[in-house]
């Protein structure tokens, strides 16, 4: 049924839970897992000189976090004996990066965690999971935390 499963990760415990479920599903389907970590661009606001040092420090930290998150996801897949490929991308809007990756990689399912925010917090912060669910053209499995 599924051949390529996209698993967006932010390195959180909730994302690891979604990774485990995705890897088990991939194993049962003979599918591959594609992991993605979306980095928000450097928050330059256009006032004053752009700090090259600040940008370099920000990107180094972001790439380090991405590498750790994707390595953890890859290990979950390895433990299940599932093929894995991971990538880090930079996008202004995280959910768009997730959807673009699903399309570019030919994924036929997205499995991702939801932090389960409700009420005002959900309205103010928005929900990447909700936006992916709303805009994706492939099925989306939400793993609630």
C-alpha atoms as a PDB file:
ATOM      1  CA  UNK A   1       0.000   0.000   0.000  1.00  0.00           C
ATOM      2  CA  UNK A   2       2.737   2.492   0.951  1.00  0.00           C
ATOM      3  CA  UNK A   3       6.190   2.605  -0.644  1.00  0.00           C
ATOM      4  CA  UNK A   4       7.696   5.850   0.707  1.00  0.00           C
ATOM      5  CA  UNK A   5       6.771   7.311   4.064  1.00  0.00           C
ATOM      6  CA  UNK A   6       7.829  10.860   4.940  1.00  0.00           C
ATOM      7  CA  UNK A   7       8.611  11.508   8.592  1.00  0.00           C
ATOM      8  CA  UNK A   8       9.204  15.163   9.498  1.00  0.00           C
ATOM      9  CA  UNK A   9      11.203  15.472  12.710  1.00  0.00           C
ATOM     10  CA  UNK A  10      12.182  18.201  15.110  1.00  0.00           C
ATOM     11  CA  UNK A  11      14.176  15.873  17.341  1.00  0.00           C
ATOM     12  CA  UNK A  12      11.582  15.880  20.115  1.00  0.00           C
ATOM     13  CA  UNK A  13      10.439  12.849  22.089  1.00  0.00           C
ATOM     14  CA  UNK A  14       7.072  13.120  20.335  1.00  0.00           C
ATOM     15  CA  UNK A  15       8.754  13.022  16.930  1.00  0.00           C
ATOM     16  CA  UNK A  16      10.669   9.912  18.015  1.00  0.00           C
ATOM     17  CA  UNK A  17       7.348   8.258  18.872  1.00  0.00           C
ATOM     18  CA  UNK A  18       6.061   9.032  15.388  1.00  0.00           C
ATOM     19  CA  UNK A  19       9.323   7.711  13.927  1.00  0.00           C
ATOM     20  CA  UNK A  20       8.866   4.382  15.686  1.00  0.00           C
ATOM     21  CA  UNK A  21       5.329   3.996  14.373  1.00  0.00           C
ATOM     22  CA  UNK A  22       6.412   5.024  10.863  1.00  0.00           C
ATOM     23  CA  UNK A  23       9.318   2.546  10.872  1.00  0.00           C
ATOM     24  CA  UNK A  24       7.068  -0.293  12.036  1.00  0.00           C
ATOM     25  CA  UNK A  25       4.505   0.580   9.372  1.00  0.00           C
ATOM     26  CA  UNK A  26       7.234   0.802   6.728  1.00  0.00           C
ATOM     27  CA  UNK A  27       8.527  -2.613   7.747  1.00  0.00           C
ATOM     28  CA  UNK A  28       5.061  -4.144   7.411  1.00  0.00           C
ATOM     29  CA  UNK A  29       4.610  -2.540   3.981  1.00  0.00           C
ATOM     30  CA  UNK A  30       8.105  -3.097   2.601  1.00  0.00           C
ATOM     31  CA  UNK A  31       8.416   0.687   2.378  1.00  0.00           C
ATOM     32  CA  UNK A  32      11.233   3.214   2.730  1.00  0.00           C
ATOM     33  CA  UNK A  33      11.276   6.028   5.290  1.00  0.00           C
ATOM     34  CA  UNK A  34      12.307   9.514   4.202  1.00  0.00           C
ATOM     35  CA  UNK A  35      13.126  11.869   7.053  1.00  0.00           C
ATOM     36  CA  UNK A  36      13.116  15.644   6.840  1.00  0.00           C
ATOM     37  CA  UNK A  37      14.183  18.369   9.241  1.00  0.00           C
ATOM     38  CA  UNK A  38      13.055  21.867   8.267  1.00  0.00           C
ATOM     39  CA  UNK A  39      15.294  24.726   9.389  1.00  0.00           C
ATOM     40  CA  UNK A  40      13.781  28.168   9.790  1.00  0.00           C
ATOM     41  CA  UNK A  41      15.955  30.732   7.997  1.00  0.00           C
ATOM     42  CA  UNK A  42      18.117  33.090  10.030  1.00  0.00           C
ATOM     43  CA  UNK A  43      15.789  35.641  11.648  1.00  0.00           C
ATOM     44  CA  UNK A  44      17.283  38.778  10.073  1.00  0.00           C
ATOM     45  CA  UNK A  45      14.828  41.644  10.512  1.00  0.00           C
ATOM     46  CA  UNK A  46      16.460  44.104   8.120  1.00  0.00           C
ATOM     47  CA  UNK A  47      17.611  46.595  10.730  1.00  0.00           C
ATOM     48  CA  UNK A  48      21.311  47.363  11.003  1.00  0.00           C
ATOM     49  CA  UNK A  49      24.122  45.297   9.593  1.00  0.00           C
ATOM     50  CA  UNK A  50      23.537  41.607   9.122  1.00  0.00           C
ATOM     51  CA  UNK A  51      25.921  39.724  11.355  1.00  0.00           C
ATOM     52  CA  UNK A  52      27.814  37.102   9.388  1.00  0.00           C
ATOM     53  CA  UNK A  53      29.005  35.629  12.688  1.00  0.00           C
ATOM     54  CA  UNK A  54      25.430  35.459  13.997  1.00  0.00           C
ATOM     55  CA  UNK A  55      24.256  33.771  10.808  1.00  0.00           C
ATOM     56  CA  UNK A  56      27.092  31.250  10.916  1.00  0.00           C
ATOM     57  CA  UNK A  57      26.443  30.440  14.581  1.00  0.00           C
ATOM     58  CA  UNK A  58      22.707  30.078  13.979  1.00  0.00           C
ATOM     59  CA  UNK A  59      23.164  27.803  10.962  1.00  0.00           C
ATOM     60  CA  UNK A  60      25.804  25.687  12.725  1.00  0.00           C
ATOM     61  CA  UNK A  61      23.455  25.130  15.657  1.00  0.00           C
ATOM     62  CA  UNK A  62      20.475  24.437  13.395  1.00  0.00           C
ATOM     63  CA  UNK A  63      22.435  21.962  11.262  1.00  0.00           C
ATOM     64  CA  UNK A  64      23.732  20.231  14.385  1.00  0.00           C
ATOM     65  CA  UNK A  65      20.185  19.846  15.751  1.00  0.00           C
ATOM     66  CA  UNK A  66      19.003  18.593  12.362  1.00  0.00           C
ATOM     67  CA  UNK A  67      21.830  16.082  12.146  1.00  0.00           C
ATOM     68  CA  UNK A  68      21.073  14.712  15.612  1.00  0.00           C
ATOM     69  CA  UNK A  69      17.333  14.454  14.885  1.00  0.00           C
ATOM     70  CA  UNK A  70      17.856  12.700  11.553  1.00  0.00           C
ATOM     71  CA  UNK A  71      20.479  10.391  13.039  1.00  0.00           C
ATOM     72  CA  UNK A  72      17.998   9.326  15.740  1.00  0.00           C
ATOM     73  CA  UNK A  73      15.314   8.744  13.093  1.00  0.00           C
ATOM     74  CA  UNK A  74      17.769   6.751  10.992  1.00  0.00           C
ATOM     75  CA  UNK A  75      18.637   4.585  13.999  1.00  0.00           C
ATOM     76  CA  UNK A  76      14.961   3.765  14.579  1.00  0.00           C
ATOM     77  CA  UNK A  77      14.709   2.682  10.941  1.00  0.00           C
ATOM     78  CA  UNK A  78      17.936   0.682  11.156  1.00  0.00           C
ATOM     79  CA  UNK A  79      16.616  -1.126  14.246  1.00  0.00           C
ATOM     80  CA  UNK A  80      13.498  -2.089  12.262  1.00  0.00           C
ATOM     81  CA  UNK A  81      15.504  -3.045   9.166  1.00  0.00           C
ATOM     82  CA  UNK A  82      13.871  -0.332   7.078  1.00  0.00           C
ATOM     83  CA  UNK A  83      15.640   1.677   4.334  1.00  0.00           C
ATOM     84  CA  UNK A  84      16.118   5.314   5.351  1.00  0.00           C
ATOM     85  CA  UNK A  85      17.132   8.550   3.653  1.00  0.00           C
ATOM     86  CA  UNK A  86      17.185  11.877   5.463  1.00  0.00           C
ATOM     87  CA  UNK A  87      17.521  15.485   4.419  1.00  0.00           C
ATOM     88  CA  UNK A  88      17.661  18.942   5.945  1.00  0.00           C
ATOM     89  CA  UNK A  89      15.962  21.802   4.143  1.00  0.00           C
ATOM     90  CA  UNK A  90      15.566  25.501   4.839  1.00  0.00           C
ATOM     91  CA  UNK A  91      12.114  27.060   4.452  1.00  0.00           C
ATOM     92  CA  UNK A  92      10.309  30.104   5.826  1.00  0.00           C
ATOM     93  CA  UNK A  93       7.181  28.054   6.503  1.00  0.00           C
ATOM     94  CA  UNK A  94       7.748  24.607   8.024  1.00  0.00           C
ATOM     95  CA  UNK A  95       4.567  22.939   6.815  1.00  0.00           C
ATOM     96  CA  UNK A  96       5.281  24.022   3.230  1.00  0.00           C
ATOM     97  CA  UNK A  97       8.730  22.454   3.474  1.00  0.00           C
ATOM     98  CA  UNK A  98       7.176  19.196   4.654  1.00  0.00           C
ATOM     99  CA  UNK A  99       4.662  19.146   1.805  1.00  0.00           C
ATOM    100  CA  UNK A 100       7.285  20.114  -0.805  1.00  0.00           C
ATOM    101  CA  UNK A 101       9.522  17.289   0.401  1.00  0.00           C
ATOM    102  CA  UNK A 102       6.673  14.768   0.215  1.00  0.00           C
ATOM    103  CA  UNK A 103       6.008  15.801  -3.378  1.00  0.00           C
ATOM    104  CA  UNK A 104       9.672  15.942  -4.427  1.00  0.00           C
ATOM    105  CA  UNK A 105      10.440  12.525  -2.927  1.00  0.00           C
ATOM    106  CA  UNK A 106       7.270  10.866  -4.245  1.00  0.00           C
ATOM    107  CA  UNK A 107       6.070   9.953  -0.758  1.00  0.00           C
ATOM    108  CA  UNK A 108       2.648   8.379  -0.484  1.00  0.00           C
ATOM    109  CA  UNK A 109       2.172   8.886   3.272  1.00  0.00           C
ATOM    110  CA  UNK A 110       3.280  11.444   5.858  1.00  0.00           C
ATOM    111  CA  UNK A 111       3.610  10.307   9.468  1.00  0.00           C
ATOM    112  CA  UNK A 112       4.199  13.056  11.992  1.00  0.00           C
ATOM    113  CA  UNK A 113       3.736  13.922  15.629  1.00  0.00           C
ATOM    114  CA  UNK A 114       1.369  16.494  17.020  1.00  0.00           C
ATOM    115  CA  UNK A 115       2.104  18.359  20.212  1.00  0.00           C
ATOM    116  CA  UNK A 116      -1.634  18.407  20.898  1.00  0.00           C
ATOM    117  CA  UNK A 117      -1.910  22.101  21.693  1.00  0.00           C
ATOM    118  CA  UNK A 118      -5.463  23.273  22.194  1.00  0.00           C
ATOM    119  CA  UNK A 119      -7.372  26.479  22.628  1.00  0.00           C
ATOM    120  CA  UNK A 120      -5.543  29.795  22.556  1.00  0.00           C
ATOM    121  CA  UNK A 121      -2.086  28.178  22.326  1.00  0.00           C
ATOM    122  CA  UNK A 122      -3.113  26.362  19.152  1.00  0.00           C
ATOM    123  CA  UNK A 123      -4.563  29.556  17.688  1.00  0.00           C
ATOM    124  CA  UNK A 124      -1.527  31.674  18.506  1.00  0.00           C
ATOM    125  CA  UNK A 125       1.206  29.154  17.725  1.00  0.00           C
ATOM    126  CA  UNK A 126      -0.579  27.405  14.904  1.00  0.00           C
ATOM    127  CA  UNK A 127      -0.063  23.755  14.279  1.00  0.00           C
ATOM    128  CA  UNK A 128       2.353  22.439  11.715  1.00  0.00           C
ATOM    129  CA  UNK A 129       0.570  19.080  11.872  1.00  0.00           C
ATOM    130  CA  UNK A 130      -2.811  20.707  11.271  1.00  0.00           C
ATOM    131  CA  UNK A 131      -1.499  22.674   8.301  1.00  0.00           C
ATOM    132  CA  UNK A 132       0.152  19.596   6.776  1.00  0.00           C
ATOM    133  CA  UNK A 133      -3.073  17.656   7.298  1.00  0.00           C
ATOM    134  CA  UNK A 134      -5.066  20.423   5.619  1.00  0.00           C
ATOM    135  CA  UNK A 135      -2.783  21.038   2.624  1.00  0.00           C
ATOM    136  CA  UNK A 136      -1.112  17.697   1.851  1.00  0.00           C
ATOM    137  CA  UNK A 137      -2.205  15.780  -1.222  1.00  0.00           C
ATOM    138  CA  UNK A 138      -1.249  12.427   0.293  1.00  0.00           C
ATOM    139  CA  UNK A 139      -2.615  10.710   3.415  1.00  0.00           C
ATOM    140  CA  UNK A 140      -1.301  12.037   6.721  1.00  0.00           C
ATOM    141  CA  UNK A 141      -1.068   9.996   9.913  1.00  0.00           C
ATOM    142  CA  UNK A 142      -0.894  12.125  13.056  1.00  0.00           C
ATOM    143  CA  UNK A 143       0.676  10.521  16.109  1.00  0.00           C
ATOM    144  CA  UNK A 144      -0.660  12.320  19.159  1.00  0.00           C
ATOM    145  CA  UNK A 145       1.634  12.960  22.073  1.00  0.00           C
END
